[in-house]
Protein backbone atom coordinates (compact mmCIF):
# COMPACT_ATOMS: atom_id res chain seq x y z
CA UNK A 1 113.60 275.28 243.84
CA UNK A 2 116.43 276.39 241.56
CA UNK A 3 119.82 274.84 240.98
CA UNK A 4 121.28 277.63 243.11
CA UNK A 5 119.10 276.56 246.05
CA UNK A 6 120.49 273.03 246.09
CA UNK A 7 123.04 272.01 248.71
CA UNK A 8 125.43 270.35 246.27
CA UNK A 9 127.28 268.42 248.97
CA UNK A 10 124.08 266.88 250.30
CA UNK A 11 122.81 266.33 246.77
CA UNK A 12 125.95 264.42 245.85
CA UNK A 13 125.97 262.38 249.06
CA UNK A 14 122.34 261.37 248.54
CA UNK A 15 123.06 260.34 244.95
CA UNK A 16 126.10 258.31 246.05
CA UNK A 17 124.01 256.46 248.66
CA UNK A 18 121.38 255.72 246.04
CA UNK A 19 123.95 254.49 243.53
CA UNK A 20 125.70 252.24 246.05
CA UNK A 21 122.36 250.60 246.85
CA UNK A 22 121.63 250.21 243.15
CA UNK A 23 125.05 248.64 242.53
CA UNK A 24 124.61 246.24 245.46
CA UNK A 25 121.34 244.99 243.99
CA UNK A 26 122.99 244.53 240.59
CA UNK A 27 125.81 242.48 242.13
CA UNK A 28 123.48 240.31 244.25
CA UNK A 29 124.58 236.64 244.26
CA UNK A 30 121.47 235.81 242.25
CA UNK A 31 121.14 239.05 240.30
CA UNK A 32 121.39 239.55 236.55
CA UNK A 33 125.19 239.36 236.56
CA UNK A 34 124.89 235.80 237.88
CA UNK A 35 122.93 234.54 234.83
CA UNK A 36 124.88 231.85 232.98
CA UNK A 37 122.49 231.14 230.10
CA UNK A 38 119.16 232.04 228.53
CA UNK A 39 117.16 228.97 227.50
CA UNK A 40 114.08 229.14 225.29
CA UNK A 41 111.81 226.22 226.11
CA UNK A 42 110.00 224.03 223.59
CA UNK A 43 107.64 221.03 223.86
CA UNK A 44 110.67 218.73 223.67
CA UNK A 45 112.21 218.07 227.13
CA UNK A 46 115.76 219.41 227.01
CA UNK A 47 118.64 219.25 229.48
CA UNK A 48 121.00 222.16 230.09
CA UNK A 49 124.49 221.96 231.54
CA UNK A 50 123.90 224.69 234.14
CA UNK A 51 120.55 223.43 235.52
CA UNK A 52 119.22 220.06 236.69
CA UNK A 53 116.44 218.22 234.89
CA UNK A 54 114.89 218.18 231.44
CA UNK A 55 112.79 221.29 230.77
CA UNK A 56 109.82 221.77 228.45
CA UNK A 57 106.91 224.10 227.76
CA UNK A 58 103.49 222.83 226.72
CA UNK A 59 99.78 222.76 227.61
CA UNK A 60 100.60 222.41 231.32
CA UNK A 61 103.00 225.35 231.19
CA UNK A 62 106.61 224.84 232.27
CA UNK A 63 107.55 221.31 233.34
CA UNK A 64 110.85 219.90 234.61
CA UNK A 65 111.67 216.20 234.83
CA UNK A 66 114.37 215.61 237.43
CA UNK A 67 116.49 212.46 237.22
CA UNK A 68 117.34 210.30 240.23
CA UNK A 69 119.57 212.27 242.59
CA UNK A 70 118.51 215.65 241.18
CA UNK A 71 116.63 218.13 243.35
CA UNK A 72 115.17 221.61 243.23
CA UNK A 73 113.75 223.65 246.08
CA UNK A 74 110.46 225.43 245.40
CA UNK A 75 108.94 227.65 248.10
CA UNK A 76 111.20 226.01 250.66
CA UNK A 77 110.19 222.46 249.71
CA UNK A 78 112.47 219.94 248.00
CA UNK A 79 110.98 218.54 244.79
CA UNK A 80 112.00 215.44 242.83
CA UNK A 81 110.89 213.65 239.69
CA UNK A 82 108.37 215.46 237.49
CA UNK A 83 107.37 218.95 238.64
CA UNK A 84 104.87 221.27 236.95
CA UNK A 85 105.51 224.99 237.38
CA UNK A 86 102.37 225.72 235.38
CA UNK A 87 101.61 228.77 233.27
CA UNK A 88 103.84 231.76 233.92
CA UNK A 89 102.33 235.19 233.30
CA UNK A 90 104.05 237.58 230.90
CA UNK A 91 106.95 239.41 232.63
CA UNK A 92 106.56 237.25 235.73
CA UNK A 93 109.31 235.04 237.14
CA UNK A 94 109.40 232.21 239.65
CA UNK A 95 112.58 230.91 241.24
CA UNK A 96 113.75 227.44 242.25
CA UNK A 97 116.80 226.77 244.40
CA UNK A 98 119.60 224.52 243.15
CA UNK A 99 122.47 224.30 245.63
CA UNK A 100 123.92 227.80 245.87
CA UNK A 101 122.30 228.70 242.53
CA UNK A 102 118.81 229.82 241.59
CA UNK A 103 116.91 228.79 238.48
CA UNK A 104 114.65 231.51 237.11
CA UNK A 105 111.55 230.34 235.23
CA UNK A 106 109.87 233.17 233.35
CA UNK A 107 107.87 234.31 230.35
CA UNK A 108 109.17 237.02 228.04
CA UNK A 109 107.56 238.10 224.79
CA UNK A 110 105.16 235.16 224.98
CA UNK A 111 107.96 232.58 225.33
CA UNK A 112 108.76 230.46 228.38
CA UNK A 113 112.40 230.68 229.37
CA UNK A 114 114.83 229.34 231.96
CA UNK A 115 117.75 231.44 233.23
CA UNK A 116 120.09 229.78 235.73
CA UNK A 117 121.79 232.19 238.12
CA UNK A 118 125.08 231.03 239.62
CA UNK A 119 126.89 233.25 242.16
CA UNK A 120 130.28 232.17 240.80
CA UNK A 121 129.56 233.45 237.28
CA UNK A 122 132.69 235.43 236.24
CA UNK A 123 130.59 238.39 235.09
CA UNK A 124 129.37 238.82 238.66
CA UNK A 125 132.58 238.01 240.53
CA UNK A 126 134.60 240.42 238.36
CA UNK A 127 132.08 243.27 238.69
CA UNK A 128 133.43 246.39 240.42
CA UNK A 129 131.19 249.34 239.55
CA UNK A 130 129.29 251.12 236.79
CA UNK A 131 130.73 254.40 235.49
CA UNK A 132 128.39 257.37 235.81
CA UNK A 133 128.35 261.09 235.23
CA UNK A 134 128.97 263.21 238.31
CA UNK A 135 125.59 264.11 239.82
CA UNK A 136 124.46 267.60 238.86
CA UNK A 137 121.27 269.34 240.08
CA UNK A 138 120.68 270.89 236.66
CA UNK A 139 119.59 267.46 235.41
CA UNK A 140 116.69 267.40 237.87
CA UNK A 141 113.81 268.63 235.74
CA UNK A 142 110.28 269.59 236.72
CA UNK A 143 107.68 267.89 234.57
CA UNK A 144 103.97 267.40 234.04
CA UNK A 145 102.09 264.11 233.81
CA UNK A 146 99.61 263.92 230.93
CA UNK A 147 97.41 260.87 231.47
CA UNK A 148 95.71 259.15 228.54
CA UNK A 149 91.93 258.76 228.68
CA UNK A 150 92.60 255.03 228.82
CA UNK A 151 95.93 253.14 229.11
CA UNK A 152 97.39 252.39 225.69
CA UNK A 153 99.02 249.10 224.76
CA UNK A 154 102.46 250.02 223.39
CA UNK A 155 104.52 247.45 221.50
CA UNK A 156 108.29 247.90 221.71
CA UNK A 157 111.26 245.91 220.49
CA UNK A 158 113.67 244.01 222.69
CA UNK A 159 117.39 243.46 223.17
CA UNK A 160 116.79 239.98 221.71
CA UNK A 161 116.29 240.24 217.96
CA UNK A 162 112.77 239.34 216.85
CA UNK A 163 111.28 239.60 220.35
CA UNK A 164 108.61 242.17 221.22
CA UNK A 165 107.17 243.42 224.50
CA UNK A 166 103.74 244.96 225.05
CA UNK A 167 103.32 247.43 227.92
CA UNK A 168 100.32 249.42 229.09
CA UNK A 169 101.20 253.12 229.01
CA UNK A 170 99.03 255.23 231.34
CA UNK A 171 100.22 258.53 229.87
CA UNK A 172 103.13 260.78 228.98
CA UNK A 173 105.52 263.00 230.90
CA UNK A 174 106.28 266.46 229.54
CA UNK A 175 109.36 268.49 230.46
CA UNK A 176 111.53 271.29 229.14
CA UNK A 177 115.23 271.20 228.38
CA UNK A 178 117.33 273.91 226.72
CA UNK A 179 114.21 275.83 225.72
CA UNK A 180 112.54 272.85 224.03
CA UNK A 181 109.55 270.83 225.24
CA UNK A 182 109.69 267.03 225.10
CA UNK A 183 107.18 264.30 225.87
CA UNK A 184 108.09 260.78 226.94
CA UNK A 185 105.67 257.87 226.94
CA UNK A 186 105.58 256.44 230.45
CA UNK A 187 104.94 252.92 231.71
CA UNK A 188 103.96 251.87 235.21
CA UNK A 189 106.81 252.05 237.72
CA UNK A 190 107.91 249.77 240.52
CA UNK A 191 105.66 251.35 243.17
CA UNK A 192 101.89 251.95 242.98
CA UNK A 193 101.21 255.16 241.10
CA UNK A 194 104.83 255.64 240.07
CA UNK A 195 106.05 255.81 236.49
CA UNK A 196 109.01 254.61 234.45
CA UNK A 197 110.37 255.91 231.16
CA UNK A 198 112.71 254.16 228.76
CA UNK A 199 114.82 256.48 226.65
CA UNK A 200 117.81 257.07 224.48
CA UNK A 201 119.44 260.42 223.74
CA UNK A 202 122.36 261.94 221.87
CA UNK A 203 124.84 260.29 224.27
CA UNK A 204 123.51 256.79 223.50
CA UNK A 205 126.20 254.69 221.87
CA UNK A 206 128.79 257.38 222.61
CA UNK A 207 129.15 257.64 226.40
CA UNK A 208 125.97 255.83 227.48
CA UNK A 209 124.62 252.42 226.53
CA UNK A 210 123.24 252.48 223.00
CA UNK A 211 119.99 250.54 223.41
CA UNK A 212 118.24 252.11 226.39
CA UNK A 213 118.30 253.59 229.87
CA UNK A 214 115.47 253.95 232.34
CA UNK A 215 114.32 256.64 234.77
CA UNK A 216 111.95 255.95 237.67
CA UNK A 217 109.50 258.76 238.49
CA UNK A 218 107.57 259.15 241.73
CA UNK A 219 103.78 259.29 241.51
CA UNK A 220 102.41 262.63 240.23
CA UNK A 221 100.98 265.00 242.81
CA UNK A 222 97.36 266.17 242.71
CA UNK A 223 98.25 268.81 240.12
CA UNK A 224 100.03 266.26 237.89
CA UNK A 225 103.48 267.59 238.70
CA UNK A 226 106.42 265.15 238.54
CA UNK A 227 110.18 265.33 238.87
CA UNK A 228 112.56 263.67 236.42
CA UNK A 229 116.01 263.13 237.90
CA UNK A 230 118.21 262.17 234.97
CA UNK A 231 121.11 261.70 237.39
CA UNK A 232 119.32 258.45 238.22
CA UNK A 233 119.06 257.23 234.62
CA UNK A 234 120.12 253.61 234.96
CA UNK A 235 121.26 250.86 232.66
CA UNK A 236 119.01 247.88 232.08
CA UNK A 237 120.44 244.34 232.42
CA UNK A 238 121.11 244.11 228.68
CA UNK A 239 123.79 246.75 229.13
CA UNK A 240 125.84 244.11 230.96
CA UNK A 241 124.82 240.77 229.48
CA UNK A 242 123.44 239.35 226.24
CA UNK A 243 121.31 237.01 228.36
CA UNK A 244 118.64 239.66 229.01
CA UNK A 245 115.43 240.42 227.11
CA UNK A 246 115.17 244.12 227.95
CA UNK A 247 112.63 246.33 226.17
CA UNK A 248 113.69 249.14 223.86
CA UNK A 249 112.27 252.66 224.12
CA UNK A 250 109.25 253.71 222.05
CA UNK A 251 110.21 255.84 219.06
CA UNK A 252 109.00 259.06 220.70
CA UNK A 253 111.35 258.45 223.65
CA UNK A 254 114.48 258.74 221.52
CA UNK A 255 115.58 262.25 222.45
CA UNK A 256 117.68 264.35 220.04
CA UNK A 257 119.49 266.11 222.91
CA UNK A 258 122.40 264.89 225.03
CA UNK A 259 121.44 263.84 228.56
CA UNK A 260 124.90 263.94 230.13
CA UNK A 261 123.72 262.43 233.40
CA UNK A 262 123.22 259.04 234.98
CA UNK A 263 124.92 255.75 234.28
CA UNK A 264 127.35 255.38 231.41
CA UNK A 265 128.49 252.44 229.29
CA UNK A 266 129.46 249.58 231.65
CA UNK A 267 133.10 248.57 231.87
CA UNK A 268 131.93 245.11 230.73
CA UNK A 269 130.93 246.68 227.39
CA UNK A 270 134.09 248.70 226.95
CA UNK A 271 133.03 251.76 228.91
CA UNK A 272 135.60 254.06 230.47
CA UNK A 273 136.01 254.34 234.26
């Protein structure tokens, strides 16, 4: 299929439906825009103003000690007093209800954290939309999946200074743009068999968020063919809030060309409508 073959009206309508759904998820009452703080837990029980209880991390994993009159809801059950969440796996999260708020308990970069999510957080209530380039079929690129013999553990930096993430990379994705061939290291995507790439390009820090964007890629076909739709390059949570621990792209995913497609710098970070 060539750019000339694309029904631009349908292409644009499909992109707009996708982006509306993406924006709705971002603005969810308990989504990333609702986070009011990022708390790094230690062995010393510590209270936080936006969450009930005293929180700590130790041999038992994450523990909260709720005072009289304090309550959390875990898996639909009210809990009181001392409650052990246990060991949280890296990049996993569990959630406890607290009135109309949700308390996220997670592990990032080997550290246990707590992130309260309050629907009334001004960052969420003031959110309107994310600026984006107009969808253009020329930014839909055919690619080829190049699997590694074995998944490789790739260490990348994070939006939080000093933090590192380790991801298993199953392979790379190769594509052509403006007569040049590029390869991006890919991580596992949201769906079985799918892929995800983190990248920056020549627009990063100019019209798009400086640290990173991500592109989801459907599973390769039997011949290893994939499609990269840069119109669906999305911001990570760190583009909106400093209370995120987002990974940064591997060095080889920092493209020297301008990808003038996908989401731009959020209005919350000084982006233009």
